[in-house]
């Protein structure tokens, strides 16, 4: 790459200050770290907490439905399910309507883990909402939802 093809440092600074993707990634990582630390006493990461909530339904969802909800590919979701299944927090069963598919269910232990994590999540979320008082939280969630 010649020096003439190089991207000037000023462009890098512009991207740092204006890129929605970078800003969202940085915020997501910071939030995930904060929730990971907070949820540690409940034995869950923020990702596991979200995954268990995605299974907290009246009817067992398919892997595809959960992957879609969490904006994950099926392979990544399957890898994230395994440790939770080994811990007995969820079960995977053959879909009775389509034997090629799988349905996911929370176990009693999974429901208990969610129940234990909820007060921690609520308190942590309240702290974050308080820091964002100057912003319209609902508008922010709506905008992030539109991006997803």
Protein backbone atom coordinates (compact mmCIF):
# COMPACT_ATOMS: atom_id res chain seq x y z
CA UNK A 1 0.00 0.00 0.00
CA UNK A 2 1.49 3.31 -1.03
CA UNK A 3 1.52 6.35 1.19
CA UNK A 4 -0.87 7.99 -1.29
CA UNK A 5 -3.45 5.25 -0.54
CA UNK A 6 -3.20 5.68 3.22
CA UNK A 7 -6.21 6.92 5.14
CA UNK A 8 -5.30 10.11 7.00
CA UNK A 9 -5.46 10.09 10.80
CA UNK A 10 -8.05 12.89 10.65
CA UNK A 11 -10.36 10.43 8.89
CA UNK A 12 -9.85 7.93 11.70
CA UNK A 13 -10.81 10.63 14.22
CA UNK A 14 -13.88 11.49 12.14
CA UNK A 15 -14.98 7.85 12.11
CA UNK A 16 -14.38 7.56 15.87
CA UNK A 17 -16.59 10.58 16.50
CA UNK A 18 -19.35 9.84 13.94
CA UNK A 19 -19.63 6.09 13.34
CA UNK A 20 -22.90 4.71 14.73
CA UNK A 21 -21.61 1.15 14.42
CA UNK A 22 -18.50 1.88 16.52
CA UNK A 23 -20.50 3.86 19.10
CA UNK A 24 -23.05 1.05 19.40
CA UNK A 25 -20.35 -1.63 19.68
CA UNK A 26 -18.54 0.31 22.40
CA UNK A 27 -21.75 0.91 24.34
CA UNK A 28 -22.81 -2.74 23.96
CA UNK A 29 -19.45 -3.99 25.25
CA UNK A 30 -19.51 -1.59 28.21
CA UNK A 31 -23.08 -2.55 29.10
CA UNK A 32 -22.34 -6.26 28.73
CA UNK A 33 -19.31 -5.94 31.05
CA UNK A 34 -21.38 -4.07 33.60
CA UNK A 35 -24.20 -6.63 33.56
CA UNK A 36 -21.72 -9.54 33.49
CA UNK A 37 -20.15 -8.24 36.69
CA UNK A 38 -23.51 -7.55 38.32
CA UNK A 39 -24.98 -10.95 37.41
CA UNK A 40 -21.92 -12.90 38.58
CA UNK A 41 -23.47 -13.69 42.01
CA UNK A 42 -26.42 -15.30 40.17
CA UNK A 43 -23.98 -17.44 38.17
CA UNK A 44 -24.97 -15.92 34.82
CA UNK A 45 -23.45 -13.68 32.20
CA UNK A 46 -25.52 -10.98 30.52
CA UNK A 47 -25.71 -13.16 27.40
CA UNK A 48 -26.92 -16.16 29.38
CA UNK A 49 -29.50 -14.00 31.16
CA UNK A 50 -30.84 -12.81 27.78
CA UNK A 51 -30.83 -16.35 26.41
CA UNK A 52 -32.76 -17.73 29.36
CA UNK A 53 -35.29 -14.91 29.02
CA UNK A 54 -35.70 -15.80 25.35
CA UNK A 55 -36.80 -19.27 26.51
CA UNK A 56 -39.19 -17.96 29.17
CA UNK A 57 -42.35 -18.60 27.15
CA UNK A 58 -45.53 -20.60 27.47
CA UNK A 59 -44.60 -22.84 24.54
CA UNK A 60 -41.03 -24.04 23.86
CA UNK A 61 -39.51 -21.95 21.06
CA UNK A 62 -37.51 -23.33 18.16
CA UNK A 63 -33.79 -22.71 17.88
CA UNK A 64 -34.49 -20.55 14.83
CA UNK A 65 -36.99 -18.37 16.72
CA UNK A 66 -34.54 -17.82 19.59
CA UNK A 67 -31.67 -17.10 17.20
CA UNK A 68 -33.82 -14.54 15.41
CA UNK A 69 -34.91 -12.87 18.66
CA UNK A 70 -31.31 -12.60 19.88
CA UNK A 71 -29.93 -11.63 16.43
CA UNK A 72 -27.55 -14.63 16.56
CA UNK A 73 -26.74 -17.22 13.98
CA UNK A 74 -27.90 -20.73 14.85
CA UNK A 75 -24.35 -22.05 15.25
CA UNK A 76 -23.45 -19.39 17.82
CA UNK A 77 -26.73 -19.94 19.64
CA UNK A 78 -26.14 -23.70 19.78
CA UNK A 79 -22.67 -23.13 21.24
CA UNK A 80 -24.16 -20.79 23.88
CA UNK A 81 -26.89 -23.29 24.77
CA UNK A 82 -24.52 -26.17 25.59
CA UNK A 83 -23.11 -24.86 28.90
CA UNK A 84 -26.59 -23.90 30.10
CA UNK A 85 -27.91 -27.32 29.18
CA UNK A 86 -24.98 -29.00 30.99
CA UNK A 87 -25.87 -26.95 34.08
CA UNK A 88 -29.45 -28.19 33.84
CA UNK A 89 -30.96 -24.75 33.16
CA UNK A 90 -32.61 -25.76 29.89
CA UNK A 91 -33.50 -28.78 27.82
CA UNK A 92 -33.48 -29.39 24.10
CA UNK A 93 -36.11 -31.70 22.64
CA UNK A 94 -37.09 -32.89 19.18
CA UNK A 95 -39.81 -30.71 17.66
CA UNK A 96 -42.90 -32.95 17.46
CA UNK A 97 -44.11 -31.07 14.37
CA UNK A 98 -40.78 -31.39 12.53
CA UNK A 99 -38.39 -34.08 13.75
CA UNK A 100 -35.44 -32.23 12.16
CA UNK A 101 -36.02 -29.22 14.44
CA UNK A 102 -35.40 -28.70 18.13
CA UNK A 103 -37.46 -26.95 20.82
CA UNK A 104 -35.92 -25.31 23.86
CA UNK A 105 -37.39 -25.22 27.37
CA UNK A 106 -36.36 -23.78 30.69
CA UNK A 107 -36.06 -26.28 33.50
CA UNK A 108 -37.11 -25.53 37.06
CA UNK A 109 -33.45 -24.71 37.75
CA UNK A 110 -33.44 -22.34 34.77
CA UNK A 111 -36.54 -20.55 36.05
CA UNK A 112 -34.94 -20.33 39.50
CA UNK A 113 -31.75 -18.86 38.00
CA UNK A 114 -33.82 -16.22 36.18
CA UNK A 115 -35.75 -15.43 39.36
CA UNK A 116 -32.49 -15.02 41.30
CA UNK A 117 -31.03 -12.77 38.60
CA UNK A 118 -34.06 -10.49 38.21
CA UNK A 119 -33.50 -8.28 41.31
CA UNK A 120 -29.86 -7.83 40.25
CA UNK A 121 -30.90 -6.95 36.70
CA UNK A 122 -33.54 -4.50 37.95
CA UNK A 123 -31.10 -2.72 40.26
CA UNK A 124 -28.37 -2.54 37.62
CA UNK A 125 -30.84 -1.38 35.01
CA UNK A 126 -32.16 1.33 37.36
CA UNK A 127 -28.58 2.59 37.89
CA UNK A 128 -28.04 2.77 34.14
CA UNK A 129 -31.40 4.47 33.53
CA UNK A 130 -30.49 7.04 36.19
CA UNK A 131 -27.25 7.82 34.33
CA UNK A 132 -29.25 8.28 31.14
CA UNK A 133 -31.84 10.64 32.65
CA UNK A 134 -30.85 13.42 30.28
CA UNK A 135 -31.84 11.17 27.36
CA UNK A 136 -35.19 9.72 26.36
CA UNK A 137 -34.68 6.05 27.21
CA UNK A 138 -37.77 4.89 25.32
CA UNK A 139 -36.68 6.77 22.19
CA UNK A 140 -33.21 5.23 22.52
CA UNK A 141 -34.63 1.69 22.84
CA UNK A 142 -36.93 2.38 19.89
CA UNK A 143 -34.05 3.59 17.74
CA UNK A 144 -31.90 0.58 18.69
CA UNK A 145 -34.84 -1.71 17.91
CA UNK A 146 -35.19 -0.10 14.48
CA UNK A 147 -31.52 -0.85 13.81
CA UNK A 148 -31.91 -4.47 14.90
